[in-house]
Amino acid sequence: MSNDSLLNTPVLWINKYLQSKILDSTSLDTPFFPTLPSTINDLNSYFPTGGTMATWDRLIKMNKKSFPHIKCEQIMYYFYANGENPIEKMVQIQEQVLRLMDRGDESAQEVNNWAANRQINLGGFDNNGNPVNPDLLVDNMFYFHEFKVYQLEESRDIIDFGTARTYGGNKIIIEYDYHQMPSMTNSDWTPERILPVKQII
């Protein structure tokens, strides 16, 4: 797959980085999914028993800068834990995310360095841990400039945890600035030749 695939996004690299670092420091294998779930029943359907998981939503902000290629975005994360000691798991994940991602340009340098040594497999793995399709490996095509972390006060407003006390939850927003590699910016576009007869579309 080409590195400029539309599936190759900055969120993909941030999620993989966080997943790797959380596992290294806490031994909690925390899969990341697009925004789900919203109810206790959804949690029961998607949740690994006795585990942790995260869902995310990408928030693209209005670009207020004069340079069009540096973008500012946010990712809103919901972290969940169940089984034994769910609150302890949430504290560990929250603290690790804060330590990793709230250091401004230092966090960005670390993410850039980590991503430079890795490819992400978009096609899944076989039973031996090998890529199913080596053509679906992509390189990082983003350069991160800065990261900030926000902790929302409503750390338990995801769902009503009062009805499921075995669950712990937390909401964290990460804001980041980045630019795309030139092959992804469309800055080298060329105008179409003016046709003698306009196309009807």
N, C-alpha and C. Protein backbone atom coordinates (compact mmCIF):
# COMPACT_ATOMS: atom_id res chain seq x y z
N MET A 1 0.85 -1.18 0.00
CA MET A 1 0.00 0.00 0.00
C MET A 1 0.89 1.24 0.00
N SER A 2 0.50 2.24 -0.74
CA SER A 2 1.26 3.48 -0.80
C SER A 2 1.22 4.19 0.55
N ASN A 3 2.34 4.84 0.89
CA ASN A 3 2.41 5.57 2.16
C ASN A 3 1.41 6.73 2.23
N ASP A 4 0.96 7.23 1.07
CA ASP A 4 0.00 8.32 1.10
C ASP A 4 -1.45 7.81 1.08
N SER A 5 -1.64 6.54 1.46
CA SER A 5 -2.98 5.98 1.60
C SER A 5 -3.80 6.83 2.55
N LEU A 6 -5.09 6.94 2.27
CA LEU A 6 -5.98 7.70 3.14
C LEU A 6 -6.17 7.03 4.50
N LEU A 7 -5.73 5.77 4.63
CA LEU A 7 -5.79 5.10 5.92
C LEU A 7 -4.59 5.42 6.79
N ASN A 8 -3.58 6.06 6.21
CA ASN A 8 -2.38 6.45 6.95
C ASN A 8 -2.62 7.85 7.52
N THR A 9 -2.99 7.92 8.79
CA THR A 9 -3.38 9.18 9.42
C THR A 9 -2.50 9.46 10.64
N PRO A 10 -2.42 10.72 11.07
CA PRO A 10 -1.64 10.99 12.29
C PRO A 10 -2.19 10.28 13.51
N VAL A 11 -3.53 10.13 13.58
CA VAL A 11 -4.14 9.44 14.73
C VAL A 11 -3.65 7.99 14.81
N LEU A 12 -3.50 7.34 13.66
CA LEU A 12 -3.02 5.96 13.62
C LEU A 12 -1.68 5.84 14.34
N TRP A 13 -0.77 6.77 14.08
CA TRP A 13 0.57 6.70 14.67
C TRP A 13 0.56 7.05 16.15
N ILE A 14 -0.25 8.02 16.53
CA ILE A 14 -0.35 8.37 17.96
C ILE A 14 -0.95 7.21 18.75
N ASN A 15 -1.99 6.57 18.21
CA ASN A 15 -2.60 5.44 18.89
C ASN A 15 -1.62 4.29 19.07
N LYS A 16 -0.88 3.96 18.02
CA LYS A 16 0.09 2.86 18.11
C LYS A 16 1.20 3.18 19.11
N TYR A 17 1.63 4.44 19.13
CA TYR A 17 2.66 4.86 20.08
C TYR A 17 2.15 4.71 21.51
N LEU A 18 0.95 5.24 21.78
CA LEU A 18 0.40 5.14 23.12
C LEU A 18 0.18 3.69 23.54
N GLN A 19 -0.35 2.89 22.64
CA GLN A 19 -0.61 1.49 22.95
C GLN A 19 0.69 0.78 23.34
N SER A 20 1.75 1.05 22.58
CA SER A 20 3.04 0.43 22.86
C SER A 20 3.61 0.88 24.20
N LYS A 21 3.56 2.17 24.46
CA LYS A 21 4.15 2.71 25.69
C LYS A 21 3.35 2.32 26.93
N ILE A 22 2.02 2.28 26.82
CA ILE A 22 1.20 1.85 27.96
C ILE A 22 1.49 0.40 28.30
N LEU A 23 1.63 -0.44 27.27
CA LEU A 23 1.95 -1.85 27.50
C LEU A 23 3.32 -1.99 28.15
N ASP A 24 4.31 -1.22 27.67
CA ASP A 24 5.67 -1.31 28.23
C ASP A 24 5.70 -0.95 29.71
N SER A 25 4.94 0.07 30.11
CA SER A 25 5.06 0.59 31.47
C SER A 25 4.09 -0.05 32.46
N THR A 26 2.95 -0.56 31.98
CA THR A 26 1.92 -1.06 32.89
C THR A 26 1.56 -2.52 32.66
N SER A 27 2.04 -3.11 31.57
CA SER A 27 1.66 -4.47 31.16
C SER A 27 0.17 -4.58 30.82
N LEU A 28 -0.49 -3.43 30.58
CA LEU A 28 -1.90 -3.43 30.19
C LEU A 28 -1.99 -3.35 28.67
N ASP A 29 -2.44 -4.42 28.05
CA ASP A 29 -2.62 -4.43 26.60
C ASP A 29 -3.94 -3.71 26.30
N THR A 30 -3.83 -2.50 25.74
CA THR A 30 -4.99 -1.62 25.60
C THR A 30 -5.28 -1.37 24.12
N PRO A 31 -6.20 -2.12 23.52
CA PRO A 31 -6.55 -1.85 22.12
C PRO A 31 -7.27 -0.52 21.97
N PHE A 32 -7.10 0.11 20.80
CA PHE A 32 -7.73 1.40 20.50
C PHE A 32 -8.73 1.20 19.37
N PHE A 33 -9.95 1.75 19.55
CA PHE A 33 -11.00 1.62 18.56
C PHE A 33 -11.59 3.00 18.25
N PRO A 34 -12.13 3.20 17.05
CA PRO A 34 -12.90 4.43 16.80
C PRO A 34 -14.08 4.52 17.77
N THR A 35 -14.70 5.69 17.85
CA THR A 35 -15.65 5.99 18.91
C THR A 35 -16.73 4.93 19.06
N LEU A 36 -16.66 4.22 20.12
CA LEU A 36 -17.56 3.21 20.65
C LEU A 36 -17.04 2.96 22.05
N PRO A 37 -17.80 2.50 22.96
CA PRO A 37 -19.25 2.34 22.96
C PRO A 37 -19.89 3.50 23.68
N SER A 38 -21.22 3.49 23.79
CA SER A 38 -21.91 4.58 24.49
C SER A 38 -22.83 4.07 25.59
N THR A 39 -22.97 2.77 25.72
CA THR A 39 -23.84 2.20 26.76
C THR A 39 -23.13 1.04 27.43
N ILE A 40 -23.66 0.63 28.58
CA ILE A 40 -23.12 -0.54 29.28
C ILE A 40 -23.23 -1.78 28.41
N ASN A 41 -24.33 -1.94 27.69
CA ASN A 41 -24.49 -3.11 26.82
C ASN A 41 -23.42 -3.14 25.75
N ASP A 42 -23.09 -1.96 25.19
CA ASP A 42 -22.01 -1.91 24.20
C ASP A 42 -20.69 -2.33 24.83
N LEU A 43 -20.44 -1.84 26.05
CA LEU A 43 -19.20 -2.22 26.73
C LEU A 43 -19.11 -3.73 26.89
N ASN A 44 -20.22 -4.35 27.29
CA ASN A 44 -20.21 -5.80 27.48
C ASN A 44 -19.94 -6.53 26.17
N SER A 45 -20.36 -5.95 25.05
CA SER A 45 -20.17 -6.59 23.75
C SER A 45 -18.73 -6.49 23.26
N TYR A 46 -18.09 -5.33 23.51
CA TYR A 46 -16.78 -5.07 22.93
C TYR A 46 -15.61 -5.32 23.88
N PHE A 47 -15.88 -5.38 25.17
CA PHE A 47 -14.83 -5.31 26.16
C PHE A 47 -14.13 -6.65 26.33
N PRO A 48 -12.77 -6.66 26.34
CA PRO A 48 -12.06 -7.87 26.74
C PRO A 48 -12.24 -8.10 28.24
N THR A 49 -12.54 -9.33 28.64
CA THR A 49 -12.80 -9.62 30.05
C THR A 49 -11.58 -9.31 30.89
N GLY A 50 -11.78 -8.51 31.93
CA GLY A 50 -10.68 -8.19 32.83
C GLY A 50 -9.60 -7.34 32.21
N GLY A 51 -9.93 -6.58 31.18
CA GLY A 51 -8.90 -5.84 30.48
C GLY A 51 -9.14 -4.35 30.43
N THR A 52 -8.41 -3.70 29.56
CA THR A 52 -8.55 -2.27 29.33
C THR A 52 -8.72 -2.03 27.84
N MET A 53 -9.31 -0.90 27.49
CA MET A 53 -9.41 -0.53 26.08
C MET A 53 -9.62 0.97 26.00
N ALA A 54 -9.44 1.49 24.80
CA ALA A 54 -9.61 2.93 24.57
C ALA A 54 -10.40 3.13 23.29
N THR A 55 -11.24 4.15 23.29
CA THR A 55 -11.88 4.59 22.05
C THR A 55 -11.48 6.04 21.81
N TRP A 56 -11.53 6.46 20.56
CA TRP A 56 -11.04 7.79 20.21
C TRP A 56 -11.95 8.45 19.18
N ASP A 57 -11.88 9.77 19.17
CA ASP A 57 -12.60 10.56 18.19
C ASP A 57 -11.67 11.69 17.75
N ARG A 58 -11.46 11.82 16.46
CA ARG A 58 -10.57 12.85 15.92
C ARG A 58 -11.32 14.17 15.76
N LEU A 59 -10.75 15.23 16.31
CA LEU A 59 -11.37 16.55 16.26
C LEU A 59 -10.46 17.48 15.47
N ILE A 60 -10.87 17.83 14.27
CA ILE A 60 -10.05 18.70 13.40
C ILE A 60 -10.42 20.15 13.68
N LYS A 61 -9.45 20.93 14.08
CA LYS A 61 -9.70 22.32 14.49
C LYS A 61 -9.52 23.27 13.31
N MET A 62 -10.14 24.44 13.42
CA MET A 62 -9.97 25.47 12.40
C MET A 62 -8.52 25.95 12.40
N ASN A 63 -7.93 26.05 11.22
CA ASN A 63 -6.54 26.49 11.10
C ASN A 63 -6.50 28.02 11.14
N LYS A 64 -5.93 28.57 12.21
CA LYS A 64 -5.86 30.02 12.37
C LYS A 64 -4.50 30.58 11.98
N LYS A 65 -3.63 29.70 11.47
CA LYS A 65 -2.28 30.14 11.14
C LYS A 65 -2.20 30.51 9.66
N SER A 66 -1.24 31.39 9.35
CA SER A 66 -1.08 31.82 7.96
C SER A 66 -0.46 30.74 7.10
N PHE A 67 0.33 29.85 7.71
CA PHE A 67 0.94 28.76 6.94
C PHE A 67 -0.04 27.59 6.88
N PRO A 68 -0.48 27.20 5.69
CA PRO A 68 -1.60 26.25 5.60
C PRO A 68 -1.25 24.81 5.94
N HIS A 69 0.04 24.46 5.96
CA HIS A 69 0.39 23.04 6.06
C HIS A 69 0.69 22.58 7.48
N ILE A 70 0.75 23.47 8.46
CA ILE A 70 0.83 23.05 9.86
C ILE A 70 -0.59 23.02 10.41
N LYS A 71 -1.01 21.85 10.83
CA LYS A 71 -2.38 21.65 11.25
C LYS A 71 -2.43 21.42 12.76
N CYS A 72 -3.52 21.83 13.37
CA CYS A 72 -3.75 21.60 14.79
C CYS A 72 -5.01 20.76 14.94
N GLU A 73 -4.89 19.66 15.65
CA GLU A 73 -6.02 18.76 15.86
C GLU A 73 -6.06 18.32 17.31
N GLN A 74 -7.16 17.69 17.67
CA GLN A 74 -7.30 17.07 18.98
C GLN A 74 -7.81 15.65 18.81
N ILE A 75 -7.42 14.79 19.74
CA ILE A 75 -8.00 13.45 19.83
C ILE A 75 -8.65 13.35 21.20
N MET A 76 -9.93 12.99 21.22
CA MET A 76 -10.63 12.78 22.48
C MET A 76 -10.65 11.28 22.76
N TYR A 77 -10.03 10.90 23.86
CA TYR A 77 -9.93 9.49 24.23
C TYR A 77 -10.87 9.18 25.39
N TYR A 78 -11.52 8.02 25.30
CA TYR A 78 -12.21 7.43 26.43
C TYR A 78 -11.45 6.15 26.78
N PHE A 79 -10.92 6.09 28.00
CA PHE A 79 -10.24 4.90 28.46
C PHE A 79 -11.15 4.15 29.42
N TYR A 80 -11.21 2.82 29.27
CA TYR A 80 -12.06 1.98 30.09
C TYR A 80 -11.22 0.87 30.71
N ALA A 81 -11.66 0.41 31.88
CA ALA A 81 -11.05 -0.77 32.51
C ALA A 81 -12.14 -1.54 33.23
N ASN A 82 -11.99 -2.86 33.27
CA ASN A 82 -12.92 -3.68 34.05
C ASN A 82 -12.14 -4.80 34.72
N GLY A 83 -12.86 -5.68 35.42
CA GLY A 83 -12.19 -6.75 36.15
C GLY A 83 -11.65 -6.25 37.48
N GLU A 84 -10.52 -6.77 37.90
CA GLU A 84 -9.92 -6.39 39.18
C GLU A 84 -9.26 -5.03 39.10
N ASN A 85 -9.46 -4.25 40.14
CA ASN A 85 -8.79 -2.95 40.30
C ASN A 85 -8.95 -2.03 39.09
N PRO A 86 -10.17 -1.77 38.63
CA PRO A 86 -10.33 -0.92 37.45
C PRO A 86 -9.86 0.51 37.68
N ILE A 87 -10.06 1.05 38.89
CA ILE A 87 -9.63 2.43 39.16
C ILE A 87 -8.11 2.51 39.14
N GLU A 88 -7.44 1.51 39.70
CA GLU A 88 -5.97 1.49 39.67
C GLU A 88 -5.46 1.47 38.24
N LYS A 89 -6.11 0.70 37.39
CA LYS A 89 -5.70 0.64 35.98
C LYS A 89 -5.87 2.01 35.32
N MET A 90 -6.99 2.69 35.64
CA MET A 90 -7.23 4.01 35.06
C MET A 90 -6.18 5.02 35.51
N VAL A 91 -5.80 4.96 36.79
CA VAL A 91 -4.77 5.87 37.30
C VAL A 91 -3.46 5.64 36.56
N GLN A 92 -3.10 4.38 36.36
CA GLN A 92 -1.85 4.06 35.66
C GLN A 92 -1.86 4.59 34.23
N ILE A 93 -2.97 4.35 33.52
CA ILE A 93 -3.04 4.79 32.12
C ILE A 93 -3.05 6.31 32.04
N GLN A 94 -3.85 6.95 32.89
CA GLN A 94 -3.92 8.41 32.88
C GLN A 94 -2.55 9.03 33.13
N GLU A 95 -1.84 8.52 34.13
CA GLU A 95 -0.54 9.08 34.47
C GLU A 95 0.47 8.85 33.36
N GLN A 96 0.43 7.68 32.72
CA GLN A 96 1.36 7.40 31.63
C GLN A 96 1.09 8.30 30.43
N VAL A 97 -0.18 8.50 30.09
CA VAL A 97 -0.51 9.40 28.98
C VAL A 97 -0.04 10.81 29.28
N LEU A 98 -0.26 11.26 30.51
CA LEU A 98 0.17 12.61 30.90
C LEU A 98 1.69 12.75 30.80
N ARG A 99 2.43 11.78 31.32
CA ARG A 99 3.90 11.86 31.28
C ARG A 99 4.44 11.81 29.86
N LEU A 100 3.78 11.05 29.01
CA LEU A 100 4.26 10.90 27.63
C LEU A 100 3.93 12.11 26.76
N MET A 101 2.70 12.63 26.89
CA MET A 101 2.17 13.51 25.86
C MET A 101 2.03 14.98 26.27
N ASP A 102 2.46 15.35 27.47
CA ASP A 102 2.27 16.72 27.93
C ASP A 102 3.59 17.46 28.06
N ARG A 103 4.53 17.18 27.16
CA ARG A 103 5.85 17.80 27.23
C ARG A 103 6.14 18.66 25.99
N GLY A 104 5.07 19.12 25.33
CA GLY A 104 5.26 20.03 24.21
C GLY A 104 6.07 19.43 23.09
N ASP A 105 7.14 20.15 22.68
CA ASP A 105 7.94 19.69 21.55
C ASP A 105 8.80 18.49 21.92
N GLU A 106 9.08 18.27 23.22
CA GLU A 106 9.84 17.08 23.61
C GLU A 106 9.03 15.82 23.34
N SER A 107 7.74 15.86 23.64
CA SER A 107 6.88 14.72 23.31
C SER A 107 6.85 14.48 21.81
N ALA A 108 6.78 15.57 21.03
CA ALA A 108 6.74 15.44 19.57
C ALA A 108 8.02 14.80 19.05
N GLN A 109 9.18 15.21 19.59
CA GLN A 109 10.44 14.62 19.17
C GLN A 109 10.48 13.12 19.47
N GLU A 110 9.96 12.74 20.63
CA GLU A 110 9.96 11.33 21.00
C GLU A 110 9.06 10.51 20.08
N VAL A 111 7.86 11.04 19.77
CA VAL A 111 6.95 10.33 18.86
C VAL A 111 7.57 10.22 17.47
N ASN A 112 8.17 11.31 16.97
CA ASN A 112 8.80 11.28 15.65
C ASN A 112 9.92 10.24 15.60
N ASN A 113 10.74 10.19 16.66
CA ASN A 113 11.83 9.22 16.71
C ASN A 113 11.31 7.79 16.74
N TRP A 114 10.27 7.55 17.56
CA TRP A 114 9.68 6.22 17.66
C TRP A 114 9.11 5.77 16.32
N ALA A 115 8.38 6.67 15.65
CA ALA A 115 7.73 6.32 14.38
C ALA A 115 8.74 6.10 13.26
N ALA A 116 9.89 6.76 13.31
CA ALA A 116 10.90 6.63 12.25
C ALA A 116 11.44 5.20 12.17
N ASN A 117 11.35 4.45 13.26
CA ASN A 117 11.88 3.09 13.29
C ASN A 117 10.82 2.03 13.08
N ARG A 118 9.62 2.43 12.67
CA ARG A 118 8.53 1.47 12.59
C ARG A 118 7.68 1.65 11.33
N GLN A 119 7.03 0.55 10.94
CA GLN A 119 5.97 0.57 9.94
C GLN A 119 4.71 0.03 10.60
N ILE A 120 3.56 0.50 10.13
CA ILE A 120 2.29 -0.01 10.65
C ILE A 120 1.68 -0.94 9.61
N ASN A 121 1.22 -2.08 10.09
CA ASN A 121 0.60 -3.08 9.24
C ASN A 121 -0.90 -2.85 9.22
N LEU A 122 -1.43 -2.49 8.06
CA LEU A 122 -2.87 -2.24 7.92
C LEU A 122 -3.66 -3.48 7.52
N GLY A 123 -2.94 -4.60 7.34
CA GLY A 123 -3.61 -5.80 6.83
C GLY A 123 -3.74 -6.94 7.81
N GLY A 124 -3.34 -6.76 9.05
CA GLY A 124 -3.47 -7.82 10.04
C GLY A 124 -2.29 -8.79 10.02
N PHE A 125 -2.28 -9.70 11.00
CA PHE A 125 -1.20 -10.66 11.18
C PHE A 125 -1.73 -12.08 11.11
N ASP A 126 -0.85 -13.02 10.70
CA ASP A 126 -1.24 -14.43 10.72
C ASP A 126 -0.98 -15.00 12.11
N ASN A 127 -1.17 -16.30 12.28
CA ASN A 127 -1.02 -16.94 13.58
C ASN A 127 0.41 -16.92 14.10
N ASN A 128 1.37 -16.70 13.21
CA ASN A 128 2.78 -16.65 13.60
C ASN A 128 3.26 -15.22 13.86
N GLY A 129 2.34 -14.26 13.78
CA GLY A 129 2.71 -12.88 14.02
C GLY A 129 3.33 -12.18 12.83
N ASN A 130 3.21 -12.77 11.64
CA ASN A 130 3.75 -12.16 10.43
C ASN A 130 2.64 -11.41 9.68
N PRO A 131 2.99 -10.30 8.98
CA PRO A 131 1.96 -9.57 8.22
C PRO A 131 1.28 -10.47 7.19
N VAL A 132 -0.04 -10.42 7.14
CA VAL A 132 -0.79 -11.21 6.17
C VAL A 132 -0.44 -10.76 4.76
N ASN A 133 -0.32 -9.45 4.56
CA ASN A 133 -0.01 -8.89 3.25
C ASN A 133 1.07 -7.82 3.41
N PRO A 134 2.33 -8.13 3.07
CA PRO A 134 3.42 -7.15 3.24
C PRO A 134 3.20 -5.86 2.45
N ASP A 135 2.31 -5.90 1.44
CA ASP A 135 2.04 -4.70 0.65
C ASP A 135 1.19 -3.69 1.42
N LEU A 136 0.69 -4.08 2.60
CA LEU A 136 -0.15 -3.18 3.39
C LEU A 136 0.61 -2.55 4.56
N LEU A 137 1.93 -2.46 4.45
CA LEU A 137 2.75 -1.79 5.45
C LEU A 137 2.93 -0.34 5.04
N VAL A 138 2.78 0.58 6.01
CA VAL A 138 2.95 2.01 5.71
C VAL A 138 3.96 2.63 6.66
N ASP A 139 4.67 3.64 6.16
CA ASP A 139 5.61 4.43 6.95
C ASP A 139 4.91 5.68 7.48
N ASN A 140 5.50 6.26 8.52
CA ASN A 140 4.97 7.51 9.05
C ASN A 140 5.20 8.64 8.04
N MET A 141 4.14 9.37 7.71
CA MET A 141 4.23 10.47 6.76
C MET A 141 3.89 11.81 7.42
N PHE A 142 4.08 11.87 8.76
CA PHE A 142 3.70 13.06 9.51
C PHE A 142 4.87 13.48 10.42
N TYR A 143 5.03 14.79 10.54
CA TYR A 143 6.04 15.32 11.46
C TYR A 143 5.31 16.10 12.54
N PHE A 144 5.43 15.64 13.77
CA PHE A 144 4.71 16.26 14.88
C PHE A 144 5.56 17.36 15.50
N HIS A 145 4.91 18.49 15.83
CA HIS A 145 5.60 19.66 16.38
C HIS A 145 5.41 19.82 17.88
N GLU A 146 4.22 19.50 18.38
CA GLU A 146 3.93 19.78 19.79
C GLU A 146 2.72 18.98 20.24
N PHE A 147 2.71 18.60 21.51
CA PHE A 147 1.57 17.90 22.12
C PHE A 147 1.20 18.58 23.42
N LYS A 148 -0.11 18.58 23.72
CA LYS A 148 -0.64 19.04 25.01
C LYS A 148 -1.72 18.06 25.44
N VAL A 149 -1.91 17.95 26.75
CA VAL A 149 -2.93 17.05 27.30
C VAL A 149 -3.91 17.84 28.15
N TYR A 150 -5.21 17.53 27.99
CA TYR A 150 -6.26 18.12 28.81
C TYR A 150 -7.01 17.00 29.51
N GLN A 151 -7.25 17.17 30.80
CA GLN A 151 -8.07 16.24 31.56
C GLN A 151 -9.42 16.90 31.80
N LEU A 152 -10.48 16.33 31.29
CA LEU A 152 -11.80 16.91 31.53
C LEU A 152 -12.26 16.60 32.95
N GLU A 153 -12.98 17.52 33.53
CA GLU A 153 -13.45 17.32 34.91
C GLU A 153 -14.41 16.15 35.00
N GLU A 154 -15.22 15.97 33.95
CA GLU A 154 -16.24 14.92 33.99
C GLU A 154 -15.60 13.58 33.65
N SER A 155 -14.74 13.09 34.53
CA SER A 155 -13.99 11.87 34.21
C SER A 155 -14.85 10.62 34.23
N ARG A 156 -16.10 10.74 34.72
CA ARG A 156 -16.98 9.57 34.75
C ARG A 156 -18.28 9.83 34.00
N ASP A 157 -18.25 10.75 33.04
CA ASP A 157 -19.49 11.08 32.34
C ASP A 157 -19.67 10.29 31.06
N ILE A 158 -18.83 9.30 30.81
CA ILE A 158 -18.94 8.53 29.58
C ILE A 158 -20.24 7.74 29.58
N ILE A 159 -20.44 7.01 30.66
CA ILE A 159 -21.67 6.26 30.87
C ILE A 159 -21.95 6.31 32.36
N ASP A 160 -23.07 5.79 32.79
CA ASP A 160 -23.41 5.82 34.21
C ASP A 160 -22.71 4.66 34.90
N PHE A 161 -21.52 4.92 35.43
CA PHE A 161 -20.76 3.86 36.07
C PHE A 161 -21.39 3.41 37.39
N GLY A 162 -22.36 4.19 37.90
CA GLY A 162 -23.03 3.78 39.12
C GLY A 162 -23.79 2.48 38.96
N THR A 163 -24.13 2.13 37.72
CA THR A 163 -24.86 0.88 37.49
C THR A 163 -23.92 -0.27 37.14
N ALA A 164 -22.64 0.00 37.08
CA ALA A 164 -21.67 -1.05 36.74
C ALA A 164 -20.36 -0.74 37.44
N ARG A 165 -20.29 -1.02 38.71
CA ARG A 165 -19.15 -0.57 39.51
C ARG A 165 -17.88 -1.35 39.23
N THR A 166 -17.96 -2.37 38.40
CA THR A 166 -16.74 -3.08 38.02
C THR A 166 -15.99 -2.35 36.93
N TYR A 167 -16.55 -1.26 36.40
CA TYR A 167 -15.92 -0.51 35.32
C TYR A 167 -15.28 0.76 35.86
N GLY A 168 -14.15 1.11 35.29
CA GLY A 168 -13.55 2.42 35.51
C GLY A 168 -13.43 3.12 34.17
N GLY A 169 -13.52 4.45 34.18
CA GLY A 169 -13.43 5.17 32.91
C GLY A 169 -12.81 6.52 33.08
N ASN A 170 -12.26 7.04 32.00
CA ASN A 170 -11.65 8.35 32.04
C ASN A 170 -11.67 8.95 30.64
N LYS A 171 -11.70 10.28 30.59
CA LYS A 171 -11.71 10.98 29.31
C LYS A 171 -10.52 11.94 29.27
N ILE A 172 -9.74 11.86 28.21
CA ILE A 172 -8.55 12.69 28.06
C ILE A 172 -8.51 13.24 26.64
N ILE A 173 -8.14 14.51 26.50
CA ILE A 173 -7.96 15.11 25.18
C ILE A 173 -6.48 15.41 24.96
N ILE A 174 -5.98 15.00 23.81
CA ILE A 174 -4.60 15.32 23.42
C ILE A 174 -4.68 16.26 22.22
N GLU A 175 -4.03 17.41 22.34
CA GLU A 175 -3.95 18.37 21.24
C GLU A 175 -2.55 18.31 20.65
N TYR A 176 -2.46 18.37 19.32
CA TYR A 176 -1.15 18.26 18.69
C TYR A 176 -1.11 19.08 17.41
N ASP A 177 0.10 19.55 17.08
CA ASP A 177 0.39 20.23 15.81
C ASP A 177 1.27 19.33 14.97
N TYR A 178 1.05 19.31 13.67
CA TYR A 178 1.85 18.46 12.78
C TYR A 178 1.78 18.99 11.36
N HIS A 179 2.68 18.50 10.53
CA HIS A 179 2.52 18.71 9.10
C HIS A 179 2.70 17.38 8.37
N GLN A 180 2.10 17.29 7.20
CA GLN A 180 2.19 16.10 6.38
C GLN A 180 3.40 16.18 5.48
N MET A 181 3.91 15.02 5.08
CA MET A 181 4.99 14.97 4.11
C MET A 181 4.46 15.46 2.76
N PRO A 182 5.34 16.03 1.92
CA PRO A 182 4.88 16.70 0.68
C PRO A 182 3.97 15.87 -0.21
N SER A 183 4.18 14.55 -0.24
CA SER A 183 3.35 13.73 -1.14
C SER A 183 1.89 13.69 -0.73
N MET A 184 1.58 14.20 0.47
CA MET A 184 0.20 14.14 0.96
C MET A 184 -0.47 15.50 1.00
N THR A 185 0.20 16.55 0.61
CA THR A 185 -0.34 17.90 0.83
C THR A 185 -1.12 18.46 -0.35
N ASN A 186 -0.99 17.87 -1.52
CA ASN A 186 -1.63 18.40 -2.73
C ASN A 186 -1.10 19.79 -3.10
N SER A 187 0.07 20.14 -2.59
CA SER A 187 0.61 21.47 -2.89
C SER A 187 1.25 21.52 -4.28
N ASP A 188 1.42 20.36 -4.92
CA ASP A 188 2.04 20.32 -6.24
C ASP A 188 1.01 20.09 -7.35
N TRP A 189 -0.25 20.42 -7.08
CA TRP A 189 -1.30 20.20 -8.07
C TRP A 189 -1.05 21.08 -9.29
N THR A 190 -1.53 20.64 -10.42
CA THR A 190 -1.43 21.43 -11.64
C THR A 190 -2.84 21.66 -12.18
N PRO A 191 -3.10 22.82 -12.74
CA PRO A 191 -4.45 23.09 -13.24
C PRO A 191 -4.79 22.20 -14.43
N GLU A 192 -6.05 21.84 -14.53
CA GLU A 192 -6.51 21.06 -15.67
C GLU A 192 -6.48 21.93 -16.94
N ARG A 193 -6.27 21.28 -18.06
CA ARG A 193 -6.37 21.96 -19.35
C ARG A 193 -7.82 22.35 -19.58
N ILE A 194 -8.05 23.59 -19.98
CA ILE A 194 -9.41 24.04 -20.26
C ILE A 194 -9.92 23.34 -21.52
N LEU A 195 -11.02 22.64 -21.39
CA LEU A 195 -11.56 21.86 -22.50
C LEU A 195 -12.45 22.75 -23.38
N PRO A 196 -12.53 22.45 -24.68
CA PRO A 196 -13.38 23.25 -25.56
C PRO A 196 -14.86 23.08 -25.22
N VAL A 197 -15.22 21.90 -24.65
CA VAL A 197 -16.60 21.65 -24.25
C VAL A 197 -16.59 21.19 -22.80
N LYS A 198 -17.39 21.81 -21.98
CA LYS A 198 -17.41 21.45 -20.58
C LYS A 198 -18.03 20.07 -20.36
N GLN A 199 -17.49 19.35 -19.39
CA GLN A 199 -18.06 18.05 -19.03
C GLN A 199 -19.35 18.24 -18.25
N ILE A 200 -20.29 17.36 -18.51
CA ILE A 200 -21.55 17.38 -17.76
C ILE A 200 -21.43 16.33 -16.66
N ILE A 201 -21.62 16.75 -15.43
CA ILE A 201 -21.45 15.81 -14.32
C ILE A 201 -22.72 15.72 -13.48
